[in-house]
Amino acid sequence: MNILFLCTANIQRSKTAEELFSAADKLNVYRSAGLSKKYVKKAGSTLCTEEMLKWADEIYVFEQMHIERIRAYTGDTYLHKIANLEIEDSYQYFQRELVLLLLERLPLEQMPPACPNL
């Protein structure tokens, strides 16, 4: 499954989510991007494109304004794929509290043991 995390600038919340879940879950493909051209350019991060929205099977945003921004540019086309994690923009990259919120809202399924026969 292709999973896309979107926040404002792609430097704190969405980047943390992408890297956290990519490291912990090898069954899915994770990507992240920002929705503000201004802040993405300033940060040198990845700007969301419509190709990314098409690619994703599931899209997670962090605030209602992210959904509204997507709707403003693409109408209702991708709304069925979007879930709002409702995590405010007050966390730093990989801050412990952010990681705990992400794991609470998107719990990892039980991972199989790495080497069950050893």
C-alpha atoms as a PDB file:
ATOM      1  CA  MET A   1       0.000   0.000   0.000  1.00  0.00           C
ATOM      2  CA  ASN A   2       1.209   3.537  -0.774  1.00  0.00           C
ATOM      3  CA  ILE A   3       0.816   5.949   2.137  1.00  0.00           C
ATOM      4  CA  LEU A   4       1.361   9.710   1.934  1.00  0.00           C
ATOM      5  CA  PHE A   5       1.776  12.069   4.891  1.00  0.00           C
ATOM      6  CA  LEU A   6       1.105  15.762   4.263  1.00  0.00           C
ATOM      7  CA  CYS A   7       1.710  18.751   6.503  1.00  0.00           C
ATOM      8  CA  THR A   8       2.485  22.404   5.871  1.00  0.00           C
ATOM      9  CA  ALA A   9       6.245  22.431   5.202  1.00  0.00           C
ATOM     10  CA  ASN A  10       7.336  18.762   5.271  1.00  0.00           C
ATOM     11  CA  ILE A  11      10.006  19.313   7.898  1.00  0.00           C
ATOM     12  CA  GLN A  12       8.436  18.266  11.220  1.00  0.00           C
ATOM     13  CA  ARG A  13       5.234  16.215  11.343  1.00  0.00           C
ATOM     14  CA  SER A  14       4.966  14.571   7.921  1.00  0.00           C
ATOM     15  CA  LYS A  15       8.719  13.942   7.676  1.00  0.00           C
ATOM     16  CA  THR A  16       8.724  12.310  11.122  1.00  0.00           C
ATOM     17  CA  ALA A  17       5.739  10.130  10.168  1.00  0.00           C
ATOM     18  CA  GLU A  18       7.310   9.044   6.882  1.00  0.00           C
ATOM     19  CA  GLU A  19      10.621   8.077   8.461  1.00  0.00           C
ATOM     20  CA  LEU A  20       9.087   6.463  11.550  1.00  0.00           C
ATOM     21  CA  PHE A  21       6.716   4.210   9.626  1.00  0.00           C
ATOM     22  CA  SER A  22       9.211   3.470   6.826  1.00  0.00           C
ATOM     23  CA  ALA A  23      11.648   2.139   9.424  1.00  0.00           C
ATOM     24  CA  ALA A  24       9.059   0.118  11.327  1.00  0.00           C
ATOM     25  CA  ASP A  25       6.883  -1.245   8.510  1.00  0.00           C
ATOM     26  CA  LYS A  26       8.427  -2.749   5.377  1.00  0.00           C
ATOM     27  CA  LEU A  27       5.056  -3.925   3.995  1.00  0.00           C
ATOM     28  CA  ASN A  28       3.975  -0.444   2.856  1.00  0.00           C
ATOM     29  CA  VAL A  29       5.639   2.420   0.996  1.00  0.00           C
ATOM     30  CA  TYR A  30       5.647   5.762   2.791  1.00  0.00           C
ATOM     31  CA  ARG A  31       6.235   9.253   1.415  1.00  0.00           C
ATOM     32  CA  SER A  32       5.708  12.762   2.731  1.00  0.00           C
ATOM     33  CA  ALA A  33       5.348  16.289   1.382  1.00  0.00           C
ATOM     34  CA  GLY A  34       4.302  19.796   2.294  1.00  0.00           C
ATOM     35  CA  LEU A  35       1.296  21.741   1.084  1.00  0.00           C
ATOM     36  CA  SER A  36       2.650  25.298   1.345  1.00  0.00           C
ATOM     37  CA  LYS A  37       4.794  26.289  -1.626  1.00  0.00           C
ATOM     38  CA  LYS A  38       6.187  29.211   0.392  1.00  0.00           C
ATOM     39  CA  TYR A  39       7.299  27.152   3.414  1.00  0.00           C
ATOM     40  CA  VAL A  40       8.479  24.178   1.369  1.00  0.00           C
ATOM     41  CA  LYS A  41      10.664  26.464  -0.740  1.00  0.00           C
ATOM     42  CA  LYS A  42      12.076  28.130   2.388  1.00  0.00           C
ATOM     43  CA  ALA A  43      12.849  24.740   3.975  1.00  0.00           C
ATOM     44  CA  GLY A  44      14.088  23.065   0.801  1.00  0.00           C
ATOM     45  CA  SER A  45      11.675  20.192   1.360  1.00  0.00           C
ATOM     46  CA  THR A  46       9.240  18.307  -0.900  1.00  0.00           C
ATOM     47  CA  LEU A  47       6.135  20.008  -2.283  1.00  0.00           C
ATOM     48  CA  CYS A  48       3.015  17.885  -2.769  1.00  0.00           C
ATOM     49  CA  THR A  49       1.961  17.298  -6.374  1.00  0.00           C
ATOM     50  CA  GLU A  50      -1.186  15.873  -7.856  1.00  0.00           C
ATOM     51  CA  GLU A  51       0.887  12.894  -9.015  1.00  0.00           C
ATOM     52  CA  MET A  52       1.627  12.142  -5.361  1.00  0.00           C
ATOM     53  CA  LEU A  53      -2.073  12.314  -4.499  1.00  0.00           C
ATOM     54  CA  LYS A  54      -2.828   9.874  -7.348  1.00  0.00           C
ATOM     55  CA  TRP A  55      -0.012   7.544  -6.219  1.00  0.00           C
ATOM     56  CA  ALA A  56      -1.276   7.288  -2.644  1.00  0.00           C
ATOM     57  CA  ASP A  57      -3.764   4.665  -1.505  1.00  0.00           C
ATOM     58  CA  GLU A  58      -4.104   6.491   1.814  1.00  0.00           C
ATOM     59  CA  ILE A  59      -3.331  10.121   2.647  1.00  0.00           C
ATOM     60  CA  TYR A  60      -2.846  11.403   6.178  1.00  0.00           C
ATOM     61  CA  VAL A  61      -2.921  15.112   6.964  1.00  0.00           C
ATOM     62  CA  PHE A  62      -2.410  16.806  10.310  1.00  0.00           C
ATOM     63  CA  GLU A  63      -4.969  19.623  10.284  1.00  0.00           C
ATOM     64  CA  GLN A  64      -8.321  20.464   8.695  1.00  0.00           C
ATOM     65  CA  MET A  65      -6.684  23.310   6.742  1.00  0.00           C
ATOM     66  CA  HIS A  66      -4.623  20.689   4.884  1.00  0.00           C
ATOM     67  CA  ILE A  67      -7.801  19.054   3.631  1.00  0.00           C
ATOM     68  CA  GLU A  68      -9.162  22.434   2.586  1.00  0.00           C
ATOM     69  CA  ARG A  69      -5.969  23.245   0.692  1.00  0.00           C
ATOM     70  CA  ILE A  70      -6.146  19.947  -1.225  1.00  0.00           C
ATOM     71  CA  ARG A  71      -9.829  20.550  -1.961  1.00  0.00           C
ATOM     72  CA  ALA A  72      -9.078  24.069  -3.266  1.00  0.00           C
ATOM     73  CA  TYR A  73      -6.661  22.685  -5.857  1.00  0.00           C
ATOM     74  CA  THR A  74      -8.225  19.335  -6.773  1.00  0.00           C
ATOM     75  CA  GLY A  75     -11.881  19.514  -5.743  1.00  0.00           C
ATOM     76  CA  ASP A  76     -13.301  16.402  -4.098  1.00  0.00           C
ATOM     77  CA  THR A  77     -11.232  13.960  -6.179  1.00  0.00           C
ATOM     78  CA  TYR A  78      -8.956  12.716  -3.387  1.00  0.00           C
ATOM     79  CA  LEU A  79     -11.096  13.328  -0.303  1.00  0.00           C
ATOM     80  CA  HIS A  80     -12.034   9.650   0.003  1.00  0.00           C
ATOM     81  CA  LYS A  81      -8.352   8.811   0.605  1.00  0.00           C
ATOM     82  CA  ILE A  82      -7.733  11.456   3.290  1.00  0.00           C
ATOM     83  CA  ALA A  83      -7.756  11.066   7.072  1.00  0.00           C
ATOM     84  CA  ASN A  84      -6.976  13.888   9.489  1.00  0.00           C
ATOM     85  CA  LEU A  85      -4.603  12.922  12.311  1.00  0.00           C
ATOM     86  CA  GLU A  86      -5.391  16.187  14.139  1.00  0.00           C
ATOM     87  CA  ILE A  87      -1.867  16.877  15.372  1.00  0.00           C
ATOM     88  CA  GLU A  88      -1.109  20.579  15.735  1.00  0.00           C
ATOM     89  CA  ASP A  89       2.041  22.210  14.402  1.00  0.00           C
ATOM     90  CA  SER A  90       3.820  22.518  17.752  1.00  0.00           C
ATOM     91  CA  TYR A  91       6.307  19.640  17.570  1.00  0.00           C
ATOM     92  CA  GLN A  92       9.887  19.356  16.397  1.00  0.00           C
ATOM     93  CA  TYR A  93      11.205  16.692  14.039  1.00  0.00           C
ATOM     94  CA  PHE A  94      11.093  13.300  15.801  1.00  0.00           C
ATOM     95  CA  GLN A  95      10.085  14.874  19.115  1.00  0.00           C
ATOM     96  CA  ARG A  96       9.108  12.113  21.537  1.00  0.00           C
ATOM     97  CA  GLU A  97       5.578  13.453  22.035  1.00  0.00           C
ATOM     98  CA  LEU A  98       5.027  13.607  18.276  1.00  0.00           C
ATOM     99  CA  VAL A  99       6.210  10.034  17.813  1.00  0.00           C
ATOM    100  CA  LEU A 100       3.895   8.852  20.607  1.00  0.00           C
ATOM    101  CA  LEU A 101       0.915  10.684  19.052  1.00  0.00           C
ATOM    102  CA  LEU A 102       1.641   9.167  15.646  1.00  0.00           C
ATOM    103  CA  LEU A 103       1.852   5.664  17.104  1.00  0.00           C
ATOM    104  CA  GLU A 104      -1.358   6.239  19.059  1.00  0.00           C
ATOM    105  CA  ARG A 105      -3.281   7.431  16.005  1.00  0.00           C
ATOM    106  CA  LEU A 106      -1.740   4.934  13.542  1.00  0.00           C
ATOM    107  CA  PRO A 107      -0.707   1.900  15.596  1.00  0.00           C
ATOM    108  CA  LEU A 108       1.712  -0.479  13.949  1.00  0.00           C
ATOM    109  CA  GLU A 109       0.365  -3.958  13.451  1.00  0.00           C
ATOM    110  CA  GLN A 110       2.169  -6.688  15.337  1.00  0.00           C
ATOM    111  CA  MET A 111       5.528  -7.126  13.665  1.00  0.00           C
ATOM    112  CA  PRO A 112       6.743 -10.719  13.112  1.00  0.00           C
ATOM    113  CA  PRO A 113       9.897 -11.707  14.978  1.00  0.00           C
ATOM    114  CA  ALA A 114      13.059 -11.014  12.986  1.00  0.00           C
ATOM    115  CA  CYS A 115      14.655 -14.446  13.447  1.00  0.00           C
ATOM    116  CA  PRO A 116      12.139 -16.886  14.994  1.00  0.00           C
ATOM    117  CA  ASN A 117      14.393 -19.936  14.520  1.00  0.00           C
ATOM    118  CA  LEU A 118      17.501 -18.520  16.202  1.00  0.00           C
END
